[in-house]
N, C-alpha and C. Protein backbone atom coordinates (compact mmCIF):
# COMPACT_ATOMS: atom_id res chain seq x y z
N LEU A 1 98.29 108.93 81.57
CA LEU A 1 99.05 109.51 82.67
C LEU A 1 98.74 111.07 82.68
N LEU A 2 98.86 111.63 81.57
CA LEU A 2 98.70 113.21 81.52
C LEU A 2 97.29 113.61 81.78
N TYR A 3 96.32 112.79 81.26
CA TYR A 3 94.94 113.13 81.52
C TYR A 3 94.57 112.88 82.98
N GLY A 4 95.01 111.74 83.57
CA GLY A 4 94.80 111.51 84.98
C GLY A 4 95.48 112.56 85.91
N ALA A 5 96.70 113.05 85.51
CA ALA A 5 97.45 114.07 86.26
C ALA A 5 96.63 115.35 86.18
N GLY A 6 96.12 115.66 85.07
CA GLY A 6 95.34 116.86 84.85
C GLY A 6 94.07 116.81 85.68
N LEU A 7 93.41 115.74 85.67
CA LEU A 7 92.16 115.58 86.37
C LEU A 7 92.44 115.57 87.87
N GLY A 8 93.64 114.97 88.31
CA GLY A 8 93.92 115.07 89.68
C GLY A 8 94.09 116.51 90.25
N PHE A 9 94.65 117.41 89.29
CA PHE A 9 94.73 118.79 89.63
C PHE A 9 93.48 119.34 89.87
N LEU A 10 92.48 119.07 88.96
CA LEU A 10 91.14 119.56 89.10
C LEU A 10 90.46 119.06 90.41
N PHE A 11 90.70 117.85 90.78
CA PHE A 11 90.19 117.27 91.98
C PHE A 11 90.61 118.07 93.17
N VAL A 12 91.92 118.41 93.23
CA VAL A 12 92.43 119.18 94.34
C VAL A 12 91.81 120.54 94.39
N ILE A 13 91.88 121.22 93.20
CA ILE A 13 91.32 122.63 93.25
C ILE A 13 89.84 122.63 93.62
N THR A 14 89.13 121.70 93.12
CA THR A 14 87.67 121.63 93.50
C THR A 14 87.38 121.38 94.96
N PHE A 15 88.28 120.53 95.57
CA PHE A 15 88.18 120.23 97.01
C PHE A 15 88.47 121.57 97.79
N PHE A 16 89.43 122.34 97.41
CA PHE A 16 89.66 123.65 98.08
C PHE A 16 88.56 124.56 97.85
N LEU A 17 88.07 124.66 96.63
CA LEU A 17 86.85 125.55 96.36
C LEU A 17 85.68 125.08 97.27
N LEU A 18 85.37 123.80 97.37
CA LEU A 18 84.29 123.37 98.27
C LEU A 18 84.55 123.81 99.75
N ALA A 19 85.80 123.65 100.19
CA ALA A 19 86.13 124.14 101.56
C ALA A 19 85.82 125.62 101.74
N PHE A 20 86.21 126.42 100.73
CA PHE A 20 86.04 127.83 100.83
C PHE A 20 84.48 128.15 100.71
N ALA A 21 83.80 127.45 99.81
CA ALA A 21 82.40 127.65 99.71
C ALA A 21 81.63 127.40 101.04
N ILE A 22 82.04 126.36 101.67
CA ILE A 22 81.39 125.97 103.07
C ILE A 22 81.70 127.09 104.00
N SER A 23 82.95 127.53 104.05
CA SER A 23 83.34 128.51 105.08
C SER A 23 82.66 129.96 104.74
N ARG A 24 82.45 130.30 103.54
CA ARG A 24 81.91 131.53 103.10
C ARG A 24 80.38 131.51 103.16
N ALA A 25 79.76 130.36 102.59
CA ALA A 25 78.38 130.35 102.35
C ALA A 25 77.59 129.41 103.28
N GLY A 26 78.31 128.59 103.95
CA GLY A 26 77.66 127.57 104.87
C GLY A 26 77.56 126.18 104.14
N MET A 27 77.37 125.14 104.91
CA MET A 27 77.19 123.83 104.37
C MET A 27 76.18 123.60 103.46
N GLY A 28 74.94 124.11 103.77
CA GLY A 28 73.81 123.87 102.95
C GLY A 28 73.90 124.27 101.52
N LEU A 29 74.33 125.66 101.27
CA LEU A 29 74.50 126.12 100.00
C LEU A 29 75.54 125.54 99.17
N ALA A 30 76.64 125.18 99.89
CA ALA A 30 77.84 124.61 99.22
C ALA A 30 77.48 123.23 98.76
N ILE A 31 76.82 122.34 99.58
CA ILE A 31 76.54 121.01 99.11
C ILE A 31 75.36 121.00 98.07
N THR A 32 74.44 121.96 98.13
CA THR A 32 73.38 122.10 97.13
C THR A 32 74.02 122.52 95.84
N SER A 33 74.91 123.38 95.86
CA SER A 33 75.63 123.84 94.56
C SER A 33 76.42 122.70 94.00
N SER A 34 77.06 121.85 94.82
CA SER A 34 77.81 120.75 94.29
C SER A 34 76.95 119.68 93.72
N ARG A 35 75.78 119.48 94.18
CA ARG A 35 74.91 118.40 93.71
C ARG A 35 74.22 118.95 92.44
N LEU A 36 73.89 120.30 92.33
CA LEU A 36 73.26 120.78 91.11
C LEU A 36 74.20 120.67 89.90
N SER A 37 75.52 120.47 90.22
CA SER A 37 76.46 120.36 89.14
C SER A 37 76.14 119.14 88.14
N VAL A 38 75.21 118.30 88.61
CA VAL A 38 74.79 117.15 87.73
C VAL A 38 74.29 117.56 86.43
N ILE A 39 73.82 118.78 86.37
CA ILE A 39 73.29 119.36 85.10
C ILE A 39 74.42 119.37 84.06
N ILE A 40 75.62 119.68 84.39
CA ILE A 40 76.70 119.83 83.45
C ILE A 40 77.03 118.53 82.68
N PRO A 41 77.37 117.40 83.47
CA PRO A 41 77.55 116.19 82.61
C PRO A 41 76.33 115.62 81.85
N ILE A 42 75.18 115.97 82.28
CA ILE A 42 73.99 115.44 81.60
C ILE A 42 73.87 116.19 80.29
N ILE A 43 73.96 117.55 80.30
CA ILE A 43 73.83 118.33 79.11
C ILE A 43 74.96 117.99 78.10
N LEU A 44 76.19 117.93 78.65
CA LEU A 44 77.29 117.65 77.80
C LEU A 44 77.25 116.32 77.18
N SER A 45 76.71 115.32 77.90
CA SER A 45 76.59 113.88 77.33
C SER A 45 75.49 113.92 76.25
N ILE A 46 74.40 114.71 76.41
CA ILE A 46 73.39 114.73 75.44
C ILE A 46 73.99 115.40 74.12
N ILE A 47 74.78 116.43 74.28
CA ILE A 47 75.37 117.20 73.16
C ILE A 47 76.47 116.37 72.41
N PHE A 48 77.39 115.77 73.18
CA PHE A 48 78.52 115.18 72.49
C PHE A 48 78.39 113.69 72.33
N PHE A 49 77.62 113.01 73.07
CA PHE A 49 77.47 111.55 73.00
C PHE A 49 76.10 111.05 72.59
N ASN A 50 75.30 111.98 72.14
CA ASN A 50 73.94 111.69 71.64
C ASN A 50 73.02 110.87 72.55
N GLU A 51 73.22 111.05 73.86
CA GLU A 51 72.31 110.33 74.81
C GLU A 51 70.93 110.97 74.81
N SER A 52 69.94 110.21 74.58
CA SER A 52 68.61 110.81 74.51
C SER A 52 67.75 110.44 75.69
N PRO A 53 67.29 111.29 76.47
CA PRO A 53 66.43 111.00 77.64
C PRO A 53 65.06 110.67 77.17
N THR A 54 64.38 109.67 77.88
CA THR A 54 62.98 109.40 77.59
C THR A 54 62.04 110.25 78.42
N GLU A 55 60.78 110.13 78.27
CA GLU A 55 59.91 110.94 78.99
C GLU A 55 60.00 110.69 80.51
N LEU A 56 60.21 109.45 80.85
CA LEU A 56 60.37 109.04 82.30
C LEU A 56 61.64 109.61 82.89
N HIS A 57 62.73 109.76 82.03
CA HIS A 57 64.00 110.29 82.39
C HIS A 57 63.78 111.74 82.77
N LEU A 58 63.05 112.44 81.89
CA LEU A 58 62.71 113.82 82.05
C LEU A 58 61.95 114.09 83.22
N LEU A 59 60.99 113.19 83.57
CA LEU A 59 60.27 113.35 84.81
C LEU A 59 61.18 113.11 85.99
N GLY A 60 62.11 112.22 85.80
CA GLY A 60 63.08 111.86 86.94
C GLY A 60 63.93 113.13 87.16
N PHE A 61 64.46 113.73 86.02
CA PHE A 61 65.28 114.96 86.19
C PHE A 61 64.54 116.05 86.88
N LEU A 62 63.23 116.26 86.54
CA LEU A 62 62.40 117.23 87.26
C LEU A 62 62.41 117.02 88.84
N PHE A 63 62.16 115.76 89.14
CA PHE A 63 62.18 115.53 90.61
C PHE A 63 63.57 115.55 91.30
N THR A 64 64.61 115.36 90.32
CA THR A 64 65.97 115.51 90.89
C THR A 64 66.22 116.98 91.26
N ILE A 65 65.78 117.93 90.37
CA ILE A 65 65.94 119.36 90.72
C ILE A 65 65.11 119.73 91.92
N ILE A 66 63.83 119.19 91.98
CA ILE A 66 62.98 119.47 93.09
C ILE A 66 63.59 119.07 94.40
N THR A 67 64.30 117.82 94.39
CA THR A 67 64.97 117.26 95.55
C THR A 67 66.11 118.16 96.04
N PHE A 68 66.82 118.74 95.08
CA PHE A 68 67.91 119.72 95.51
C PHE A 68 67.29 121.06 96.09
N VAL A 69 66.25 121.48 95.41
CA VAL A 69 65.67 122.66 96.02
C VAL A 69 65.01 122.44 97.43
N MET A 70 64.41 121.25 97.69
CA MET A 70 63.89 120.96 98.94
C MET A 70 65.00 120.86 99.93
N PHE A 71 66.15 120.14 99.52
CA PHE A 71 67.23 120.03 100.41
C PHE A 71 67.87 121.33 100.76
N TYR A 72 67.92 122.25 99.85
CA TYR A 72 68.28 123.65 100.11
C TYR A 72 67.53 124.30 101.21
N PHE A 73 66.23 124.19 101.14
CA PHE A 73 65.42 124.79 102.22
C PHE A 73 65.51 124.12 103.50
N SER A 74 65.71 122.79 103.47
CA SER A 74 65.80 122.04 104.74
C SER A 74 67.02 122.30 105.59
N VAL A 75 68.10 122.74 104.83
CA VAL A 75 69.34 123.15 105.51
C VAL A 75 69.63 124.66 105.46
N LYS A 76 68.54 125.43 105.25
CA LYS A 76 68.76 126.86 105.04
C LYS A 76 69.32 127.60 106.30
N SER A 77 69.09 127.05 107.46
CA SER A 77 69.68 127.52 108.70
C SER A 77 71.14 127.55 108.68
N GLY A 78 71.83 126.73 107.79
CA GLY A 78 73.27 126.58 107.74
C GLY A 78 73.83 127.63 106.84
N HIS A 79 73.02 128.52 106.28
CA HIS A 79 73.58 129.57 105.32
C HIS A 79 74.25 130.58 106.13
N LYS A 80 75.20 131.31 105.54
CA LYS A 80 75.91 132.42 106.17
C LYS A 80 75.71 133.65 105.39
N ASP A 81 75.60 134.79 106.22
CA ASP A 81 75.53 136.18 105.61
C ASP A 81 76.89 136.75 105.50
N GLY A 82 77.01 137.77 104.70
CA GLY A 82 78.32 138.45 104.65
C GLY A 82 79.12 137.90 103.39
N ASP A 83 80.33 138.55 103.22
CA ASP A 83 81.19 138.21 102.08
C ASP A 83 80.74 138.59 100.75
N GLY A 84 79.58 139.22 100.72
CA GLY A 84 79.10 139.87 99.43
C GLY A 84 79.06 138.84 98.39
N MET A 85 79.59 139.21 97.21
CA MET A 85 79.52 138.39 95.96
C MET A 85 80.59 137.27 96.04
N LEU A 86 81.55 137.36 96.94
CA LEU A 86 82.61 136.36 97.01
C LEU A 86 82.16 134.96 97.29
N LYS A 87 81.05 134.81 98.19
CA LYS A 87 80.50 133.54 98.34
C LYS A 87 79.85 132.95 97.09
N TYR A 88 79.26 133.80 96.34
CA TYR A 88 78.66 133.26 95.11
C TYR A 88 79.67 132.87 94.00
N PHE A 89 80.78 133.54 94.09
CA PHE A 89 81.94 133.12 93.18
C PHE A 89 82.30 131.68 93.53
N PHE A 90 82.50 131.41 94.82
CA PHE A 90 82.88 130.07 95.24
C PHE A 90 81.82 128.98 94.88
N LEU A 91 80.56 129.39 95.15
CA LEU A 91 79.44 128.52 94.83
C LEU A 91 79.44 128.04 93.35
N ILE A 92 79.56 129.19 92.54
CA ILE A 92 79.59 128.91 91.06
C ILE A 92 80.75 128.08 90.68
N ALA A 93 81.97 128.42 91.33
CA ALA A 93 83.21 127.61 91.00
C ALA A 93 83.03 126.19 91.28
N VAL A 94 82.41 125.88 92.48
CA VAL A 94 82.14 124.50 92.89
C VAL A 94 81.21 123.87 91.88
N PHE A 95 80.19 124.49 91.50
CA PHE A 95 79.19 124.00 90.56
C PHE A 95 79.94 123.51 89.19
N LEU A 96 80.79 124.43 88.75
CA LEU A 96 81.48 124.17 87.58
C LEU A 96 82.52 123.14 87.70
N GLY A 97 83.29 123.25 88.73
CA GLY A 97 84.40 122.22 89.03
C GLY A 97 83.91 120.81 89.07
N ILE A 98 82.98 120.57 89.93
CA ILE A 98 82.43 119.23 90.10
C ILE A 98 81.69 118.75 88.86
N GLY A 99 80.97 119.55 88.15
CA GLY A 99 80.41 119.18 86.96
C GLY A 99 81.44 118.76 85.83
N ILE A 100 82.43 119.52 85.73
CA ILE A 100 83.59 119.24 84.75
C ILE A 100 84.20 118.00 85.15
N ASN A 101 84.51 117.82 86.39
CA ASN A 101 85.23 116.56 86.91
C ASN A 101 84.34 115.36 86.45
N ASP A 102 83.10 115.40 86.69
CA ASP A 102 82.28 114.26 86.48
C ASP A 102 82.20 114.00 84.87
N PHE A 103 82.10 115.05 84.14
CA PHE A 103 82.03 114.77 82.63
C PHE A 103 83.47 114.32 82.19
N ALA A 104 84.47 114.69 82.80
CA ALA A 104 85.77 114.16 82.42
C ALA A 104 85.92 112.68 82.60
N LEU A 105 85.34 112.11 83.67
CA LEU A 105 85.31 110.66 83.82
C LEU A 105 84.48 110.04 82.71
N LYS A 106 83.40 110.48 82.38
CA LYS A 106 82.49 110.10 81.25
C LYS A 106 83.41 110.07 79.94
N TYR A 107 84.07 111.08 79.78
CA TYR A 107 84.91 111.26 78.54
C TYR A 107 85.95 110.20 78.43
N PHE A 108 86.58 109.91 79.63
CA PHE A 108 87.64 108.85 79.67
C PHE A 108 86.97 107.46 79.27
N LYS A 109 85.68 107.13 79.71
CA LYS A 109 85.14 105.93 79.35
C LYS A 109 84.93 105.73 77.88
N VAL A 110 84.61 106.83 77.29
CA VAL A 110 84.37 106.73 75.77
C VAL A 110 85.76 106.77 75.05
N TRP A 111 86.73 107.51 75.59
CA TRP A 111 88.02 107.75 74.87
C TRP A 111 88.99 106.54 75.01
N ARG A 112 89.05 105.84 76.17
CA ARG A 112 90.14 104.96 76.47
C ARG A 112 89.55 103.54 76.81
N SER A 113 90.40 102.59 76.74
CA SER A 113 90.02 101.16 77.11
C SER A 113 89.77 100.96 78.55
N GLU A 114 88.84 100.02 78.82
CA GLU A 114 88.44 99.77 80.14
C GLU A 114 89.70 99.15 80.97
N LEU A 115 90.60 98.50 80.22
CA LEU A 115 91.77 97.99 80.89
C LEU A 115 92.71 99.04 81.47
N GLU A 116 92.55 100.24 81.01
CA GLU A 116 93.37 101.38 81.63
C GLU A 116 92.79 102.07 82.78
N GLU A 117 91.65 101.67 83.21
CA GLU A 117 91.00 102.33 84.34
C GLU A 117 91.76 102.26 85.62
N PRO A 118 92.38 101.20 86.02
CA PRO A 118 93.16 101.15 87.36
C PRO A 118 94.30 102.12 87.21
N PHE A 119 94.96 102.20 86.10
CA PHE A 119 96.17 103.18 86.01
C PHE A 119 95.69 104.65 86.05
N PHE A 120 94.45 104.82 85.36
CA PHE A 120 93.84 106.18 85.40
C PHE A 120 93.59 106.62 86.79
N ILE A 121 92.93 105.76 87.51
CA ILE A 121 92.50 106.04 88.98
C ILE A 121 93.80 106.37 89.78
N PHE A 122 94.85 105.47 89.55
CA PHE A 122 96.16 105.63 90.24
C PHE A 122 96.67 107.04 89.92
N PHE A 123 96.66 107.37 88.72
CA PHE A 123 97.32 108.71 88.32
C PHE A 123 96.50 109.92 88.90
N ILE A 124 95.25 109.69 88.92
CA ILE A 124 94.37 110.83 89.49
C ILE A 124 94.73 111.07 90.93
N PHE A 125 94.70 110.03 91.71
CA PHE A 125 94.90 110.23 93.19
C PHE A 125 96.40 110.33 93.68
N SER A 126 97.42 109.71 92.88
CA SER A 126 98.74 109.91 93.22
C SER A 126 99.26 111.34 92.83
N SER A 127 98.71 111.83 91.68
CA SER A 127 98.98 113.19 91.38
C SER A 127 98.41 114.25 92.22
N ALA A 128 97.14 113.97 92.73
CA ALA A 128 96.53 114.77 93.72
C ALA A 128 97.35 114.86 95.05
N PHE A 129 97.89 113.73 95.39
CA PHE A 129 98.82 113.64 96.56
C PHE A 129 99.96 114.56 96.41
N ILE A 130 100.66 114.51 95.21
CA ILE A 130 101.83 115.30 94.92
C ILE A 130 101.44 116.81 94.96
N TYR A 131 100.36 117.17 94.34
CA TYR A 131 99.93 118.52 94.24
C TYR A 131 99.70 119.04 95.79
N SER A 132 98.99 118.29 96.53
CA SER A 132 98.78 118.68 97.91
C SER A 132 99.99 118.68 98.73
N SER A 133 100.88 117.85 98.51
CA SER A 133 102.17 117.93 99.28
C SER A 133 102.94 119.16 98.97
N PHE A 134 102.97 119.55 97.66
CA PHE A 134 103.61 120.93 97.40
C PHE A 134 102.96 122.00 98.14
N TYR A 135 101.63 121.98 98.19
CA TYR A 135 100.86 123.11 98.95
C TYR A 135 101.23 123.07 100.39
N ILE A 136 101.31 121.88 101.00
CA ILE A 136 101.56 121.74 102.46
C ILE A 136 103.07 122.23 102.67
N ILE A 137 104.05 121.84 101.80
CA ILE A 137 105.39 122.30 101.99
C ILE A 137 105.59 123.84 101.83
N LEU A 138 104.90 124.41 100.81
CA LEU A 138 104.99 125.88 100.49
C LEU A 138 104.36 126.57 101.73
N LYS A 139 103.21 126.07 102.30
CA LYS A 139 102.59 126.86 103.35
C LYS A 139 103.08 126.48 104.76
N LYS A 140 104.10 125.48 104.73
CA LYS A 140 104.80 125.06 105.90
C LYS A 140 103.63 124.62 107.03
N ILE A 141 102.75 123.79 106.51
CA ILE A 141 101.60 123.30 107.43
C ILE A 141 102.16 122.02 108.11
N ARG A 142 101.87 122.06 109.38
CA ARG A 142 102.23 120.82 110.26
C ARG A 142 101.16 119.83 110.21
N ILE A 143 101.48 118.64 109.90
CA ILE A 143 100.47 117.58 109.80
C ILE A 143 100.32 116.90 111.11
N LYS A 144 99.07 116.90 111.56
CA LYS A 144 98.87 116.14 112.79
C LYS A 144 98.50 114.70 112.45
N ALA A 145 98.82 113.79 113.39
CA ALA A 145 98.71 112.31 113.10
C ALA A 145 97.09 112.02 112.89
N GLN A 146 96.32 112.73 113.77
CA GLN A 146 94.83 112.41 113.66
C GLN A 146 94.33 112.86 112.23
N THR A 147 94.80 114.03 111.82
CA THR A 147 94.39 114.51 110.53
C THR A 147 94.88 113.57 109.32
N ALA A 148 96.11 113.09 109.45
CA ALA A 148 96.61 112.16 108.41
C ALA A 148 95.76 110.87 108.46
N MET A 149 95.39 110.38 109.64
CA MET A 149 94.65 109.10 109.62
C MET A 149 93.28 109.34 109.10
N LEU A 150 92.63 110.43 109.43
CA LEU A 150 91.23 110.75 108.89
C LEU A 150 91.36 110.85 107.41
N GLY A 151 92.35 111.43 106.83
CA GLY A 151 92.56 111.64 105.46
C GLY A 151 92.77 110.30 104.70
N LEU A 152 93.46 109.39 105.36
CA LEU A 152 93.69 108.02 104.82
C LEU A 152 92.51 107.20 104.71
N VAL A 153 91.62 107.38 105.86
CA VAL A 153 90.36 106.59 105.95
C VAL A 153 89.39 107.19 104.86
N LEU A 154 89.34 108.50 104.82
CA LEU A 154 88.41 109.10 103.81
C LEU A 154 88.81 108.89 102.38
N GLY A 155 90.09 108.62 102.21
CA GLY A 155 90.65 108.37 100.82
C GLY A 155 89.99 107.04 100.20
N ILE A 156 89.68 106.09 101.13
CA ILE A 156 89.22 104.76 100.73
C ILE A 156 87.84 104.91 100.02
N PRO A 157 86.85 105.67 100.62
CA PRO A 157 85.53 105.66 99.88
C PRO A 157 85.72 106.68 98.67
N ASN A 158 86.63 107.53 98.70
CA ASN A 158 86.81 108.47 97.53
C ASN A 158 87.35 107.60 96.28
N VAL A 159 88.34 106.80 96.50
CA VAL A 159 88.84 105.94 95.45
C VAL A 159 87.78 104.97 94.97
N LEU A 160 87.02 104.31 95.94
CA LEU A 160 85.95 103.34 95.59
C LEU A 160 84.85 104.12 94.85
N ALA A 161 84.51 105.30 95.20
CA ALA A 161 83.44 106.00 94.58
C ALA A 161 83.83 106.32 93.06
N THR A 162 85.11 106.68 92.81
CA THR A 162 85.52 106.89 91.39
C THR A 162 85.46 105.57 90.63
N THR A 163 85.91 104.52 91.28
CA THR A 163 85.98 103.15 90.66
C THR A 163 84.59 102.71 90.25
N PHE A 164 83.67 102.83 91.20
CA PHE A 164 82.36 102.43 90.96
C PHE A 164 81.57 103.33 90.05
N LEU A 165 82.01 104.55 89.99
CA LEU A 165 81.22 105.58 89.02
C LEU A 165 81.70 105.08 87.59
N LEU A 166 82.97 104.87 87.31
CA LEU A 166 83.49 104.35 86.04
C LEU A 166 82.81 103.09 85.62
N SER A 167 82.63 102.23 86.57
CA SER A 167 81.97 100.85 86.24
C SER A 167 80.52 101.13 85.93
N ALA A 168 79.83 102.05 86.62
CA ALA A 168 78.48 102.36 86.35
C ALA A 168 78.32 102.97 84.95
N LEU A 169 79.26 103.82 84.46
CA LEU A 169 79.18 104.46 83.22
C LEU A 169 79.47 103.43 82.08
N THR A 170 79.97 102.27 82.53
CA THR A 170 80.15 101.27 81.49
C THR A 170 78.84 100.52 81.18
N LEU A 171 78.00 100.46 82.17
CA LEU A 171 76.77 99.78 82.04
C LEU A 171 75.52 100.62 81.68
N PHE A 172 75.57 101.86 82.09
CA PHE A 172 74.37 102.80 81.89
C PHE A 172 74.89 104.12 81.37
N PRO A 173 73.83 104.86 80.67
CA PRO A 173 74.17 106.17 80.17
C PRO A 173 74.38 107.20 81.28
N SER A 174 75.13 108.25 80.89
CA SER A 174 75.38 109.40 81.95
C SER A 174 74.10 109.98 82.40
N ILE A 175 73.12 110.06 81.49
CA ILE A 175 71.80 110.78 81.94
C ILE A 175 71.21 110.03 82.97
N LEU A 176 71.45 108.74 83.26
CA LEU A 176 70.95 107.99 84.32
C LEU A 176 71.83 107.87 85.49
N VAL A 177 73.08 107.70 85.31
CA VAL A 177 74.08 107.45 86.37
C VAL A 177 74.29 108.77 87.22
N PHE A 178 74.49 109.90 86.64
CA PHE A 178 74.68 111.13 87.49
C PHE A 178 73.51 111.59 88.26
N PRO A 179 72.34 111.61 87.82
CA PRO A 179 71.26 112.01 88.63
C PRO A 179 71.01 111.00 89.71
N LEU A 180 71.12 109.66 89.42
CA LEU A 180 70.89 108.77 90.55
C LEU A 180 72.08 108.82 91.64
N MET A 181 73.22 109.13 91.16
CA MET A 181 74.33 109.27 92.12
C MET A 181 74.12 110.53 93.04
N ASN A 182 73.77 111.58 92.43
CA ASN A 182 73.56 112.84 93.24
C ASN A 182 72.29 112.76 94.05
N VAL A 183 71.22 112.21 93.61
CA VAL A 183 70.08 112.10 94.50
C VAL A 183 70.38 111.05 95.51
N GLY A 184 71.11 110.09 95.31
CA GLY A 184 71.50 109.13 96.35
C GLY A 184 72.38 109.85 97.43
N ILE A 185 73.25 110.68 97.04
CA ILE A 185 74.08 111.40 98.03
C ILE A 185 73.22 112.26 98.93
N ILE A 186 72.23 112.99 98.40
CA ILE A 186 71.43 113.76 99.15
C ILE A 186 70.56 112.90 100.08
N LEU A 187 70.01 111.78 99.67
CA LEU A 187 69.16 111.00 100.42
C LEU A 187 70.04 110.31 101.62
N SER A 188 71.14 109.81 101.23
CA SER A 188 72.03 109.15 102.28
C SER A 188 72.40 110.22 103.38
N THR A 189 72.86 111.30 102.86
CA THR A 189 73.31 112.45 103.83
C THR A 189 72.11 112.77 104.71
N THR A 190 71.06 113.03 104.29
CA THR A 190 69.85 113.34 105.13
C THR A 190 69.52 112.21 106.11
N LEU A 191 69.44 111.02 105.60
CA LEU A 191 69.15 109.92 106.41
C LEU A 191 70.22 109.70 107.56
N MET A 192 71.52 109.80 107.23
CA MET A 192 72.55 109.52 108.21
C MET A 192 72.61 110.64 109.25
N ALA A 193 72.34 111.89 108.79
CA ALA A 193 72.31 112.92 109.75
C ALA A 193 71.20 112.73 110.78
N PHE A 194 70.09 112.13 110.23
CA PHE A 194 68.92 111.91 111.18
C PHE A 194 69.21 110.73 112.01
N LEU A 195 69.88 109.64 111.52
CA LEU A 195 70.09 108.38 112.31
C LEU A 195 71.16 108.44 113.35
N ILE A 196 72.41 109.17 112.84
CA ILE A 196 73.57 109.20 113.57
C ILE A 196 73.70 110.40 114.54
N TRP A 197 73.34 111.64 113.94
CA TRP A 197 73.50 112.82 114.74
C TRP A 197 72.14 113.33 115.21
N LYS A 198 71.00 112.51 115.02
CA LYS A 198 69.73 112.81 115.59
C LYS A 198 69.21 114.25 115.10
N GLU A 199 69.54 114.59 113.92
CA GLU A 199 69.11 115.85 113.43
C GLU A 199 67.66 115.64 112.96
N LYS A 200 66.86 116.61 113.44
CA LYS A 200 65.42 116.50 113.15
C LYS A 200 65.13 116.82 111.56
N LEU A 201 64.27 116.02 111.12
CA LEU A 201 63.82 116.26 109.73
C LEU A 201 62.76 117.27 109.69
N ASN A 202 62.96 118.48 109.15
CA ASN A 202 61.80 119.38 109.10
C ASN A 202 60.97 118.95 107.81
N ARG A 203 59.90 119.77 107.55
CA ARG A 203 59.07 119.39 106.40
C ARG A 203 59.76 119.47 105.13
N TRP A 204 60.77 120.35 104.89
CA TRP A 204 61.48 120.40 103.70
C TRP A 204 62.36 119.14 103.55
N GLY A 205 62.99 118.74 104.61
CA GLY A 205 63.75 117.45 104.58
C GLY A 205 62.88 116.27 104.22
N ILE A 206 61.69 116.17 104.70
CA ILE A 206 60.87 115.07 104.42
C ILE A 206 60.42 115.12 102.95
N LEU A 207 60.19 116.37 102.50
CA LEU A 207 59.77 116.50 101.02
C LEU A 207 60.90 116.16 100.18
N ALA A 208 62.16 116.46 100.60
CA ALA A 208 63.34 116.16 99.76
C ALA A 208 63.46 114.63 99.65
N LEU A 209 63.21 113.94 100.76
CA LEU A 209 63.33 112.51 100.75
C LEU A 209 62.22 111.79 99.83
N VAL A 210 61.04 112.31 99.90
CA VAL A 210 59.96 111.88 99.03
C VAL A 210 60.25 112.14 97.55
N SER A 211 60.69 113.34 97.34
CA SER A 211 61.02 113.79 95.98
C SER A 211 62.26 113.01 95.43
N GLY A 212 63.21 112.68 96.21
CA GLY A 212 64.39 111.97 95.83
C GLY A 212 64.04 110.53 95.48
N LEU A 213 63.12 109.96 96.24
CA LEU A 213 62.70 108.51 95.96
C LEU A 213 61.88 108.42 94.67
N LEU A 214 61.07 109.55 94.38
CA LEU A 214 60.36 109.55 93.18
C LEU A 214 61.33 109.73 91.85
N ALA A 215 62.41 110.59 92.13
CA ALA A 215 63.42 110.73 91.16
C ALA A 215 63.98 109.37 90.77
N ILE A 216 64.52 108.72 91.74
CA ILE A 216 65.17 107.42 91.61
C ILE A 216 64.17 106.42 90.85
N LEU A 217 62.94 106.48 91.28
CA LEU A 217 61.90 105.55 90.61
C LEU A 217 61.77 105.88 89.20
N PHE A 218 61.60 107.13 88.86
CA PHE A 218 61.34 107.42 87.45
C PHE A 218 62.50 107.28 86.56
N LEU A 219 63.76 107.58 87.08
CA LEU A 219 64.94 107.40 86.37
C LEU A 219 65.20 105.86 86.13
N SER A 220 65.02 105.09 87.07
CA SER A 220 65.24 103.67 87.01
C SER A 220 64.21 102.99 85.94
N MET A 221 62.97 103.61 85.93
CA MET A 221 61.97 103.07 84.99
C MET A 221 62.20 103.38 83.55
N GLY A 222 62.94 104.40 83.31
CA GLY A 222 63.17 104.90 81.94
C GLY A 222 64.03 103.90 81.13
N GLU A 223 63.72 103.72 79.94
CA GLU A 223 64.58 102.82 79.09
C GLU A 223 65.90 103.48 78.68
N TYR A 224 66.91 102.59 78.49
CA TYR A 224 68.22 103.08 78.11
C TYR A 224 68.88 102.21 77.14
């Protein structure tokens, strides 16, 4: 309960940091920073849990970083000027926050029984609801029905994503799960933007897709 409640607090703080990063630095930089956070759980898993990457994994990591760099250039038009060093503070905070959150989930898998997962997930999101409610009350924010409905709908994939991530960490090492997850997010975001909102893929976007597919290929081929 206490660990889930603490992680729920980090979830809320990281969400606000991501919102601030988007408003200060633009969507492209904020999302790139959040995806690059994959480095943190990988390094910590190698240090604390003795997970050893193979040569194919290392090649996959290389293409993972290249994918993020290509994605950064593909959405460069979404960057914002101004705010000086403040925007970099939020970008670094997002990088650290999401990376720590991901590793905290890995730590739970090693530390506690799989039978406790449903309670753990419940404590994370219920505590996040309580923290957010306090913020809404203190700021005297009026909640619109449309906003509440969108939040409820978005909550479903968030809960499922955490559930599936914990399940994946049961079957595969962190050095495989986290890169695949982050590259998958980049690829799906790029493809959905192209298919749904008809956003044109520039050459950087195409390179990001190719590099992402190569990253998934090499990471999947590596032994574990």
